[in-house]
């Protein structure tokens, strides 16, 4: 059984930082992409960052330079470091897992990911 459990969200002021974590278990892919997505109320789910089993990363243009995705493979934990938070970063953040079909993981698209966590809320006040 695949489980993805996010944590680390919260309410912060603009300019602050958060580190989100995703504890993964049972992911059935040796060649995988792990991704972070976010969804604000009334908006579509947006892929923000991905990382492959090799450690290669990709970021949406909207978060480049502020978001950093990483992983501790021996602990099966995925991270998303978010710096210089802005009110527009307010959203539910989800981690997801999918099979890697090419040599890299592109900026994540929801349809390419099969397993999802329940999400962790990030709220940024101005």
C-alpha atoms as a PDB file:
ATOM      1  CA  UNK A   1       0.000   0.000   0.000  1.00  0.00           C
ATOM      2  CA  UNK A   2       1.356   3.382  -1.013  1.00  0.00           C
ATOM      3  CA  UNK A   3       1.264   6.130   1.595  1.00  0.00           C
ATOM      4  CA  UNK A   4       2.362   9.719   1.168  1.00  0.00           C
ATOM      5  CA  UNK A   5       2.008  11.880   4.252  1.00  0.00           C
ATOM      6  CA  UNK A   6       2.778  15.589   4.091  1.00  0.00           C
ATOM      7  CA  UNK A   7       3.659  17.796   7.035  1.00  0.00           C
ATOM      8  CA  UNK A   8       5.264  21.134   7.768  1.00  0.00           C
ATOM      9  CA  UNK A   9       2.629  23.543   6.552  1.00  0.00           C
ATOM     10  CA  UNK A  10       1.460  26.477   8.602  1.00  0.00           C
ATOM     11  CA  UNK A  11       0.710  30.179   8.723  1.00  0.00           C
ATOM     12  CA  UNK A  12       3.633  32.508   8.133  1.00  0.00           C
ATOM     13  CA  UNK A  13       4.204  36.127   7.274  1.00  0.00           C
ATOM     14  CA  UNK A  14       5.323  37.268   3.863  1.00  0.00           C
ATOM     15  CA  UNK A  15       9.064  36.829   3.464  1.00  0.00           C
ATOM     16  CA  UNK A  16       9.214  33.852   5.790  1.00  0.00           C
ATOM     17  CA  UNK A  17      10.226  30.276   5.096  1.00  0.00           C
ATOM     18  CA  UNK A  18       8.781  26.818   5.515  1.00  0.00           C
ATOM     19  CA  UNK A  19      10.057  23.332   4.899  1.00  0.00           C
ATOM     20  CA  UNK A  20       7.439  20.824   3.854  1.00  0.00           C
ATOM     21  CA  UNK A  21       8.049  17.106   4.278  1.00  0.00           C
ATOM     22  CA  UNK A  22       6.475  14.086   2.656  1.00  0.00           C
ATOM     23  CA  UNK A  23       6.999  10.670   4.209  1.00  0.00           C
ATOM     24  CA  UNK A  24       6.642   8.053   1.499  1.00  0.00           C
ATOM     25  CA  UNK A  25       6.148   4.334   1.805  1.00  0.00           C
ATOM     26  CA  UNK A  26       5.295   1.564  -0.615  1.00  0.00           C
ATOM     27  CA  UNK A  27       6.068   3.536  -3.804  1.00  0.00           C
ATOM     28  CA  UNK A  28       6.317   0.717  -6.364  1.00  0.00           C
ATOM     29  CA  UNK A  29       8.703   2.398  -8.813  1.00  0.00           C
ATOM     30  CA  UNK A  30      12.483   2.077  -8.954  1.00  0.00           C
ATOM     31  CA  UNK A  31      12.495   4.728 -11.700  1.00  0.00           C
ATOM     32  CA  UNK A  32      10.314   7.426 -10.217  1.00  0.00           C
ATOM     33  CA  UNK A  33       9.404  11.055 -10.236  1.00  0.00           C
ATOM     34  CA  UNK A  34       8.333  12.652  -6.994  1.00  0.00           C
ATOM     35  CA  UNK A  35       6.526  15.934  -7.280  1.00  0.00           C
ATOM     36  CA  UNK A  36       5.112  18.789  -5.267  1.00  0.00           C
ATOM     37  CA  UNK A  37       1.886  20.412  -6.340  1.00  0.00           C
ATOM     38  CA  UNK A  38      -0.242  23.176  -4.908  1.00  0.00           C
ATOM     39  CA  UNK A  39      -3.839  24.195  -5.246  1.00  0.00           C
ATOM     40  CA  UNK A  40      -5.320  27.474  -4.136  1.00  0.00           C
ATOM     41  CA  UNK A  41      -9.076  27.901  -3.664  1.00  0.00           C
ATOM     42  CA  UNK A  42     -10.807  28.282  -7.008  1.00  0.00           C
ATOM     43  CA  UNK A  43      -7.655  27.506  -8.981  1.00  0.00           C
ATOM     44  CA  UNK A  44      -6.324  24.472 -10.779  1.00  0.00           C
ATOM     45  CA  UNK A  45      -3.719  22.229  -9.229  1.00  0.00           C
ATOM     46  CA  UNK A  46      -0.261  23.491 -10.205  1.00  0.00           C
ATOM     47  CA  UNK A  47       2.908  21.447 -10.354  1.00  0.00           C
ATOM     48  CA  UNK A  48       5.760  23.343  -8.725  1.00  0.00           C
ATOM     49  CA  UNK A  49       8.747  20.981  -8.496  1.00  0.00           C
ATOM     50  CA  UNK A  50       9.853  17.455  -9.276  1.00  0.00           C
ATOM     51  CA  UNK A  51      12.791  15.209  -8.474  1.00  0.00           C
ATOM     52  CA  UNK A  52      13.860  11.906  -9.958  1.00  0.00           C
ATOM     53  CA  UNK A  53      15.359   8.870  -8.288  1.00  0.00           C
ATOM     54  CA  UNK A  54      18.701  10.181  -9.638  1.00  0.00           C
ATOM     55  CA  UNK A  55      18.168  13.544  -7.939  1.00  0.00           C
ATOM     56  CA  UNK A  56      17.592  15.644 -11.041  1.00  0.00           C
ATOM     57  CA  UNK A  57      15.114  18.439 -10.431  1.00  0.00           C
ATOM     58  CA  UNK A  58      12.751  20.696 -12.305  1.00  0.00           C
ATOM     59  CA  UNK A  59      10.812  23.779 -11.185  1.00  0.00           C
ATOM     60  CA  UNK A  60       7.903  25.818 -12.421  1.00  0.00           C
ATOM     61  CA  UNK A  61       8.977  29.284 -13.526  1.00  0.00           C
ATOM     62  CA  UNK A  62       6.768  30.828 -10.849  1.00  0.00           C
ATOM     63  CA  UNK A  63       8.838  29.310  -8.032  1.00  0.00           C
ATOM     64  CA  UNK A  64      12.376  29.153  -9.420  1.00  0.00           C
ATOM     65  CA  UNK A  65      14.891  30.625  -7.026  1.00  0.00           C
ATOM     66  CA  UNK A  66      12.560  30.351  -4.013  1.00  0.00           C
ATOM     67  CA  UNK A  67      11.586  26.670  -3.860  1.00  0.00           C
ATOM     68  CA  UNK A  68      14.018  23.789  -3.441  1.00  0.00           C
ATOM     69  CA  UNK A  69      13.008  20.157  -3.730  1.00  0.00           C
ATOM     70  CA  UNK A  70      15.180  17.466  -2.170  1.00  0.00           C
ATOM     71  CA  UNK A  71      14.960  13.947  -0.846  1.00  0.00           C
ATOM     72  CA  UNK A  72      16.483  11.649   1.709  1.00  0.00           C
ATOM     73  CA  UNK A  73      16.285   8.363  -0.138  1.00  0.00           C
ATOM     74  CA  UNK A  74      17.427   6.238   2.796  1.00  0.00           C
ATOM     75  CA  UNK A  75      14.544   7.635   4.877  1.00  0.00           C
ATOM     76  CA  UNK A  76      12.016   7.865   2.008  1.00  0.00           C
ATOM     77  CA  UNK A  77      11.337  11.527   2.766  1.00  0.00           C
ATOM     78  CA  UNK A  78      10.713  14.234   0.201  1.00  0.00           C
ATOM     79  CA  UNK A  79      11.173  17.894   1.086  1.00  0.00           C
ATOM     80  CA  UNK A  80      10.155  21.240  -0.301  1.00  0.00           C
ATOM     81  CA  UNK A  81      12.013  24.234   1.098  1.00  0.00           C
ATOM     82  CA  UNK A  82      10.068  27.409   0.449  1.00  0.00           C
ATOM     83  CA  UNK A  83      11.815  30.746   0.984  1.00  0.00           C
ATOM     84  CA  UNK A  84      10.713  34.350   0.525  1.00  0.00           C
ATOM     85  CA  UNK A  85       7.089  33.318   0.887  1.00  0.00           C
ATOM     86  CA  UNK A  86       4.491  35.493  -0.803  1.00  0.00           C
ATOM     87  CA  UNK A  87       0.739  35.722  -0.193  1.00  0.00           C
ATOM     88  CA  UNK A  88       0.191  34.142  -3.609  1.00  0.00           C
ATOM     89  CA  UNK A  89       1.948  30.999  -2.341  1.00  0.00           C
ATOM     90  CA  UNK A  90      -1.073  30.371  -0.114  1.00  0.00           C
ATOM     91  CA  UNK A  91      -2.423  26.951  -1.095  1.00  0.00           C
ATOM     92  CA  UNK A  92      -2.777  23.333  -0.129  1.00  0.00           C
ATOM     93  CA  UNK A  93       0.485  21.599  -0.990  1.00  0.00           C
ATOM     94  CA  UNK A  94       0.532  17.967  -2.088  1.00  0.00           C
ATOM     95  CA  UNK A  95       3.269  15.491  -2.764  1.00  0.00           C
ATOM     96  CA  UNK A  96       2.822  12.837  -5.407  1.00  0.00           C
ATOM     97  CA  UNK A  97       4.631   9.855  -6.909  1.00  0.00           C
ATOM     98  CA  UNK A  98       4.746   8.592 -10.451  1.00  0.00           C
ATOM     99  CA  UNK A  99       6.731   6.315 -12.715  1.00  0.00           C
ATOM    100  CA  UNK A 100       9.586   7.985 -14.612  1.00  0.00           C
ATOM    101  CA  UNK A 101       9.108   7.347 -18.322  1.00  0.00           C
ATOM    102  CA  UNK A 102      12.028   9.433 -19.639  1.00  0.00           C
ATOM    103  CA  UNK A 103      15.555  10.169 -18.503  1.00  0.00           C
ATOM    104  CA  UNK A 104      14.412  13.182 -16.474  1.00  0.00           C
ATOM    105  CA  UNK A 105      11.356  14.371 -14.560  1.00  0.00           C
ATOM    106  CA  UNK A 106       9.801  17.483 -16.109  1.00  0.00           C
ATOM    107  CA  UNK A 107       7.895  20.166 -14.222  1.00  0.00           C
ATOM    108  CA  UNK A 108       5.147  17.973 -12.815  1.00  0.00           C
ATOM    109  CA  UNK A 109       1.804  17.535 -14.480  1.00  0.00           C
ATOM    110  CA  UNK A 110      -0.914  15.973 -12.343  1.00  0.00           C
ATOM    111  CA  UNK A 111      -1.912  13.362 -14.920  1.00  0.00           C
ATOM    112  CA  UNK A 112       1.572  11.820 -14.797  1.00  0.00           C
ATOM    113  CA  UNK A 113       1.338  11.019 -11.078  1.00  0.00           C
ATOM    114  CA  UNK A 114      -0.520   8.042  -9.693  1.00  0.00           C
ATOM    115  CA  UNK A 115      -0.217   8.407  -5.932  1.00  0.00           C
ATOM    116  CA  UNK A 116      -1.065  11.441  -3.833  1.00  0.00           C
ATOM    117  CA  UNK A 117      -0.887  12.586  -0.264  1.00  0.00           C
ATOM    118  CA  UNK A 118      -3.637  14.368   1.620  1.00  0.00           C
ATOM    119  CA  UNK A 119      -1.921  17.746   1.544  1.00  0.00           C
ATOM    120  CA  UNK A 120      -0.615  20.313   3.985  1.00  0.00           C
ATOM    121  CA  UNK A 121      -1.914  23.881   4.121  1.00  0.00           C
ATOM    122  CA  UNK A 122       0.388  26.860   3.659  1.00  0.00           C
ATOM    123  CA  UNK A 123      -1.038  30.290   4.440  1.00  0.00           C
ATOM    124  CA  UNK A 124       1.018  33.431   3.900  1.00  0.00           C
ATOM    125  CA  UNK A 125      -0.129  36.759   5.299  1.00  0.00           C
ATOM    126  CA  UNK A 126       1.022  40.116   3.980  1.00  0.00           C
END
